Protein backbone atom coordinates (compact mmCIF):
# COMPACT_ATOMS: atom_id res chain seq x y z
CA MET A 1 -24.23 1.57 -1.38
CA ARG A 2 -24.03 -0.91 2.27
CA ARG A 3 -21.82 -2.94 4.42
CA ALA A 4 -20.70 -5.99 2.63
CA GLU A 5 -21.82 -9.33 4.08
CA GLU A 6 -19.42 -12.54 4.00
CA THR A 7 -21.91 -13.97 1.32
CA ASP A 8 -20.75 -11.15 -0.87
CA ILE A 9 -16.80 -12.18 -0.70
CA PRO A 10 -16.78 -14.24 -4.20
CA ALA A 11 -18.59 -11.51 -6.20
CA ILE A 12 -16.18 -8.77 -4.68
CA LEU A 13 -12.75 -10.92 -5.20
CA THR A 14 -13.93 -11.72 -9.10
CA TYR A 15 -14.94 -7.92 -9.66
CA LEU A 16 -11.30 -6.84 -8.29
CA ARG A 17 -9.54 -9.90 -9.81
CA ARG A 18 -10.13 -8.32 -13.72
CA ARG A 19 -7.72 -5.45 -12.88
CA VAL A 20 -6.23 -6.39 -9.92
CA PRO A 21 -2.80 -3.62 -10.29
CA ASP A 22 -5.69 -1.10 -9.99
CA CYS A 23 -6.84 -2.73 -6.28
CA LEU A 24 -3.85 -4.70 -5.20
CA TYR A 25 -4.01 -3.75 -1.41
CA MET A 26 -7.94 -4.16 -1.45
CA TYR A 27 -8.02 -7.45 -3.06
CA ILE A 28 -5.08 -9.27 -1.03
CA ASP A 29 -6.60 -7.78 2.13
CA ILE A 30 -10.13 -8.70 1.39
CA LYS A 31 -9.20 -12.23 0.31
CA LYS A 32 -6.75 -12.89 3.37
CA TYR A 33 -8.90 -11.41 6.00
CA GLY A 34 -12.29 -11.63 4.81
CA LEU A 35 -14.81 -9.82 6.95
CA ALA A 36 -13.49 -11.22 10.07
CA ASN A 37 -10.40 -8.85 10.82
CA PRO A 38 -11.73 -6.71 13.50
CA ASN A 39 -9.86 -4.02 11.56
CA MET A 40 -11.90 -4.21 8.30
CA LYS A 41 -14.63 -3.03 6.97
CA VAL A 42 -16.21 -3.52 3.49
CA TRP A 43 -19.06 -1.64 1.74
CA ILE A 44 -20.18 -2.43 -1.70
CA ASP A 45 -22.47 -0.62 -4.21
CA SER A 46 -24.42 -2.85 -7.09
CA ASP A 47 -27.12 -3.19 -9.61
CA GLU A 48 -28.87 -5.93 -11.67
CA ASN A 49 -25.61 -5.97 -13.88
CA GLY A 50 -23.71 -6.96 -10.61
CA MET A 51 -20.81 -4.98 -8.84
CA ARG A 52 -20.28 -1.30 -9.22
CA LEU A 53 -17.90 -0.12 -6.42
CA VAL A 54 -15.98 -1.36 -3.74
CA VAL A 55 -14.53 0.36 -0.73
CA MET A 56 -12.57 -0.97 2.18
CA LYS A 57 -11.75 0.56 5.11
CA TYR A 58 -8.00 -1.44 6.86
CA HIS A 59 -7.02 0.22 10.11
CA THR A 60 -7.12 4.05 9.50
CA SER A 61 -6.88 4.17 5.47
CA ILE A 62 -9.68 3.58 2.85
CA SER A 63 -9.31 1.80 -0.25
CA VAL A 64 -11.60 2.60 -3.47
CA TYR A 65 -12.44 0.89 -6.74
CA SER A 66 -15.01 1.05 -9.70
CA GLU A 67 -14.75 0.28 -12.90
CA GLU A 68 -17.23 2.85 -13.68
CA THR A 69 -17.32 6.24 -14.51
CA ASP A 70 -20.62 7.13 -12.87
CA TRP A 71 -19.95 5.62 -9.43
CA ASP A 72 -21.54 7.55 -6.16
CA VAL A 73 -18.99 10.19 -5.49
CA ALA A 74 -20.81 12.15 -3.10
CA ALA A 75 -21.74 8.57 -1.10
CA VAL A 76 -17.84 7.55 -0.91
CA ALA A 77 -17.01 11.30 0.37
CA LYS A 78 -19.66 11.05 3.17
CA LEU A 79 -18.11 7.41 4.31
CA ILE A 80 -14.78 8.93 4.38
CA GLU A 81 -15.93 12.12 6.53
CA ASP A 82 -17.70 9.56 8.71
CA GLU A 83 -14.63 7.29 9.34
CA LYS A 84 -12.52 10.28 9.89
CA VAL A 85 -9.35 8.03 8.11
CA GLY A 86 -5.76 9.36 7.49
CA SER A 87 -5.53 8.20 3.74
CA VAL A 88 -7.48 6.91 0.83
CA THR A 89 -6.12 5.34 -1.99
CA GLY A 90 -7.64 4.34 -5.57
CA LYS A 91 -7.36 4.77 -9.10
CA ARG A 92 -5.69 8.08 -10.39
CA ASP A 93 -9.53 9.18 -11.74
CA MET A 94 -11.16 8.16 -8.63
CA ILE A 95 -9.18 10.19 -6.47
CA GLU A 96 -8.96 13.03 -8.36
CA LYS A 97 -12.66 13.12 -8.22
CA LEU A 98 -12.78 12.38 -4.28
CA HIS A 99 -10.61 15.30 -3.99
CA GLU A 100 -13.17 17.80 -5.53
CA VAL A 101 -15.23 17.07 -3.18
CA LEU A 102 -12.60 16.79 0.16
CA GLN A 103 -9.74 19.23 -0.40
CA GLU A 104 -10.84 20.87 2.48
CA GLN A 105 -9.66 17.85 4.77
CA TYR A 106 -7.31 15.99 2.49
CA THR A 107 -4.30 16.90 0.28
CA ALA A 108 -3.98 14.65 -2.63
CA SER A 109 -0.86 13.20 -4.52
CA TYR A 110 -0.49 10.96 -7.75
CA GLY A 111 1.99 8.26 -8.74
CA ALA A 112 2.48 5.24 -10.93
CA VAL A 113 2.20 1.20 -9.84
CA PHE A 114 5.09 -0.64 -11.41
CA GLN A 115 5.39 -4.20 -12.00
CA PHE A 116 9.01 -5.32 -11.27
CA THR A 117 10.17 -7.30 -14.14
CA SER A 118 14.09 -6.66 -13.42
CA TYR A 119 16.46 -5.03 -10.75
CA ARG A 120 20.20 -4.65 -10.71
CA ASP A 121 21.95 -5.80 -8.03
CA SER A 122 24.15 -3.32 -5.58
CA ASP A 123 26.97 -3.96 -4.20
CA PHE A 124 26.78 -4.16 -0.23
CA ASP A 125 29.03 -5.73 2.34
CA GLY A 126 26.99 -5.06 5.14
CA GLU A 127 24.30 -7.20 6.74
CA ILE A 128 20.65 -7.12 5.72
CA GLU A 129 18.12 -8.29 8.84
CA THR A 130 14.77 -9.71 8.85
CA ALA A 131 12.77 -7.31 10.88
CA SER A 132 10.69 -9.19 13.92
CA GLU A 133 7.36 -7.75 15.73
CA ASP A 134 9.70 -6.46 18.70
CA ASP A 135 11.50 -3.92 15.87
CA THR A 136 8.24 -2.70 14.54
CA LEU A 137 7.48 0.94 16.51
CA GLU A 138 10.86 1.68 15.93
CA ILE A 139 10.59 1.01 11.97
CA ALA A 140 6.83 2.95 12.22
CA LYS A 141 8.78 5.86 13.98
CA LEU A 142 11.41 6.32 11.24
CA ILE A 143 8.74 5.77 8.43
CA THR A 144 6.39 8.68 10.24
CA LYS A 145 9.66 10.71 10.02
CA ASP A 146 9.08 11.04 6.12
CA GLU A 147 6.14 13.16 5.58
CA GLY A 148 5.28 11.74 1.78
CA ILE A 149 5.11 8.07 2.86
CA GLY A 150 4.28 8.42 6.50
CA GLY A 151 2.95 11.43 7.45
CA TYR A 152 -0.69 10.51 7.66
CA TYR A 153 0.05 7.46 9.88
CA GLU A 154 -0.09 7.45 13.90
CA ILE A 155 3.34 5.63 15.01
CA GLU A 156 1.18 2.90 17.61
CA ASP A 157 -1.23 2.03 14.70
CA LEU A 158 1.37 1.62 11.84
CA ALA A 159 3.35 -0.77 13.83
CA ALA A 160 0.50 -2.68 14.70
CA GLN A 161 0.03 -3.22 11.21
CA LEU A 162 3.64 -4.19 10.48
CA ALA A 163 3.13 -6.69 13.18
CA GLU A 164 -0.01 -7.69 12.26
CA ARG A 165 1.81 -8.57 8.51
CA ILE A 166 4.76 -10.40 10.30
CA ARG A 167 2.50 -12.27 12.44
CA THR A 168 -0.10 -13.26 9.58
CA ASP A 169 2.42 -13.93 7.16
CA MET A 170 0.97 -11.22 5.46
CA GLY A 171 4.26 -9.22 4.96
CA ARG A 172 7.83 -9.07 5.68
CA SER A 173 10.48 -6.18 6.84
CA TYR A 174 14.09 -5.80 6.44
CA VAL A 175 16.21 -3.35 8.17
CA ILE A 176 19.81 -2.34 8.03
CA ARG A 177 21.23 -0.96 11.46
CA GLU A 178 23.80 1.26 12.46
CA ASN A 179 25.48 0.94 15.86
CA GLY A 180 22.05 -0.83 16.89
CA LYS A 181 20.19 1.44 15.47
CA ILE A 182 17.61 0.79 12.67
CA ILE A 183 18.21 3.32 9.73
CA ALA A 184 16.81 1.55 6.88
CA HIS A 185 13.82 -0.22 6.16
CA ILE A 186 11.83 -1.93 3.18
CA ALA A 187 8.99 -3.98 3.60
CA SER A 188 6.05 -6.43 1.54
CA TYR A 189 3.24 -4.46 2.98
CA ALA A 190 0.47 -7.21 1.37
CA GLU A 191 1.80 -11.01 0.22
CA PHE A 192 -0.90 -13.51 -0.89
CA GLU A 193 -1.26 -16.12 -3.75
CA ASN A 194 0.77 -14.96 -6.07
CA LEU A 195 0.72 -11.03 -5.74
CA ALA A 196 3.19 -9.15 -3.68
CA THR A 197 3.15 -5.52 -2.83
CA THR A 198 6.47 -3.05 -1.63
CA GLY A 199 6.52 -0.40 0.25
CA GLY A 200 7.86 1.61 3.45
CA LEU A 201 10.92 2.29 1.89
CA ILE A 202 12.93 4.85 3.82
CA VAL A 203 16.27 5.33 5.25
CA ASP A 204 16.96 7.99 7.90
CA PRO A 205 17.99 11.35 6.94
CA ASP A 206 20.45 11.63 9.43
CA SER A 207 22.48 8.09 7.87
CA ARG A 208 21.56 8.84 4.04
CA ASN A 209 23.58 6.22 2.19
CA GLY A 210 23.78 6.29 -1.77
CA VAL A 211 23.09 2.61 -1.50
CA TYR A 212 20.77 1.50 1.18
CA GLY A 213 17.64 2.29 -0.36
CA SER A 214 18.10 0.40 -3.78
CA VAL A 215 20.23 -2.60 -1.75
CA LEU A 216 17.12 -2.98 0.30
CA GLU A 217 14.67 -2.87 -2.31
CA GLY A 218 16.56 -5.12 -4.64
CA TYR A 219 17.07 -7.61 -1.58
CA LEU A 220 13.61 -7.69 -1.34
CA VAL A 221 12.15 -7.81 -4.61
CA ASN A 222 14.68 -10.68 -5.38
CA GLN A 223 13.49 -12.44 -2.18
CA LEU A 224 10.00 -12.40 -3.33
CA TRP A 225 10.57 -13.55 -6.62
CA ALA A 226 12.41 -16.48 -5.53
CA ASP A 227 9.24 -17.18 -3.53
CA GLY A 228 7.00 -17.02 -6.55
CA PHE A 229 5.36 -13.56 -6.53
CA GLN A 230 4.77 -11.38 -8.84
CA VAL A 231 6.02 -7.82 -7.23
CA TYR A 232 4.04 -4.57 -7.64
CA THR A 233 5.34 -1.00 -6.18
CA PHE A 234 3.89 2.43 -5.88
CA VAL A 235 5.78 5.42 -7.47
CA THR A 236 5.70 8.78 -6.66
CA ALA A 237 9.02 10.56 -7.67
CA ARG A 238 9.49 11.25 -11.24
CA LEU A 239 13.27 10.37 -10.86
CA ARG A 240 12.48 7.15 -9.35
CA LYS A 241 9.24 6.27 -11.87
CA ARG A 242 12.22 6.93 -14.70
CA LEU A 243 15.02 4.71 -12.83
CA LEU A 244 12.32 1.68 -12.62
CA GLU A 245 11.72 2.17 -16.36
CA ALA A 246 15.40 2.54 -17.00
CA MET A 247 15.76 -0.76 -15.73
CA GLY A 248 13.30 -2.30 -17.87
CA ASN A 249 10.33 -2.32 -15.00
CA ARG A 250 6.60 -1.87 -16.55
CA CYS A 251 3.89 0.62 -15.39
CA VAL A 252 0.56 -0.78 -14.94
CA GLY A 253 -1.51 1.70 -13.80
CA GLU A 254 -1.76 5.18 -12.28
CA TYR A 255 -3.10 5.58 -8.54
CA GLY A 256 -3.73 8.53 -6.19
CA LYS A 257 -3.89 9.09 -2.33
CA LEU A 258 -5.71 11.42 0.15
CA ALA A 259 -4.04 12.50 3.03
CA ARG A 260 -5.92 13.84 5.98
CA LYS A 261 -4.33 17.48 6.67
CA HIS A 262 -3.02 17.96 10.23
C-alpha cells in the first residue's frame, strides 16, 4: 500500500464508481478535492490487474473500499492506528474484519445504505432556515450531544468540516430554531455531480418534537431532488430502516463504522 499521487486519481475514480453506493464519500471527496485539500490523504494498493484497495483520510475519519475479499487487513489496521482517527467507515464485511484487529481501541456499529426514491411530506407551519458558516459551531455542539451520530467528533473539527462544505458548495445544512436556539439540524454531508448524501439529523433532546426530524429530512430530500441529485442516507436504527422501506425507498448496501473508544 502506498500514498496516492495525482496521476492515480482517474484510476481510483473509475474503480470507486463501479459500486458507488459502497463508497459514496470516498468517490465524492476524491472527485471534488483531489489531493490538493490539506485535510485529505489517500492510499492505494494495486497489482498488474489494477486497483485492489483505496483508503482515504478526510479530517479525523478514514474510509476504506475494496472489491476484493483478500485485501490487506493488517496494513489498513496499522494505518488506522498510526493516523489515530476518530472513526472508520466502509462496507460491512470490511469493517467486521478491521474490528477483529482493532476491537480494543474501537467499537463497531452497522447499518444500511438507502437511496431515497420517495418521501412523505409532513405538515409544518414553522420556519426551516438555511444555516451559514456562523452557525456551524452551534450545530456541531448539538450533533456531539448524540453519542450515536456525533460522539466520535471533536466539536471544533466538526464545525470546520460543516463550514468547509458550506463554503465550497459541497453540502448544505438546514436548521429549526426555538427562541433563537438551534434545536434541530440536517445536512447534505456531500454533494457532487448527481450524488448527494444526508447526515447529521438531530433534534435537541430537550426539545424533542415528533415531527422535527421527518420535516427536516423531507425538506432536504426534496430540495436535493429538485436540484437533480440522487440522494442516499445511512441508517442504523431498525425502526428507521422499516420506516424508509415502508415509504418505498431502496436499501442498496450495508456499511459499518468504527468509533474510537474514549
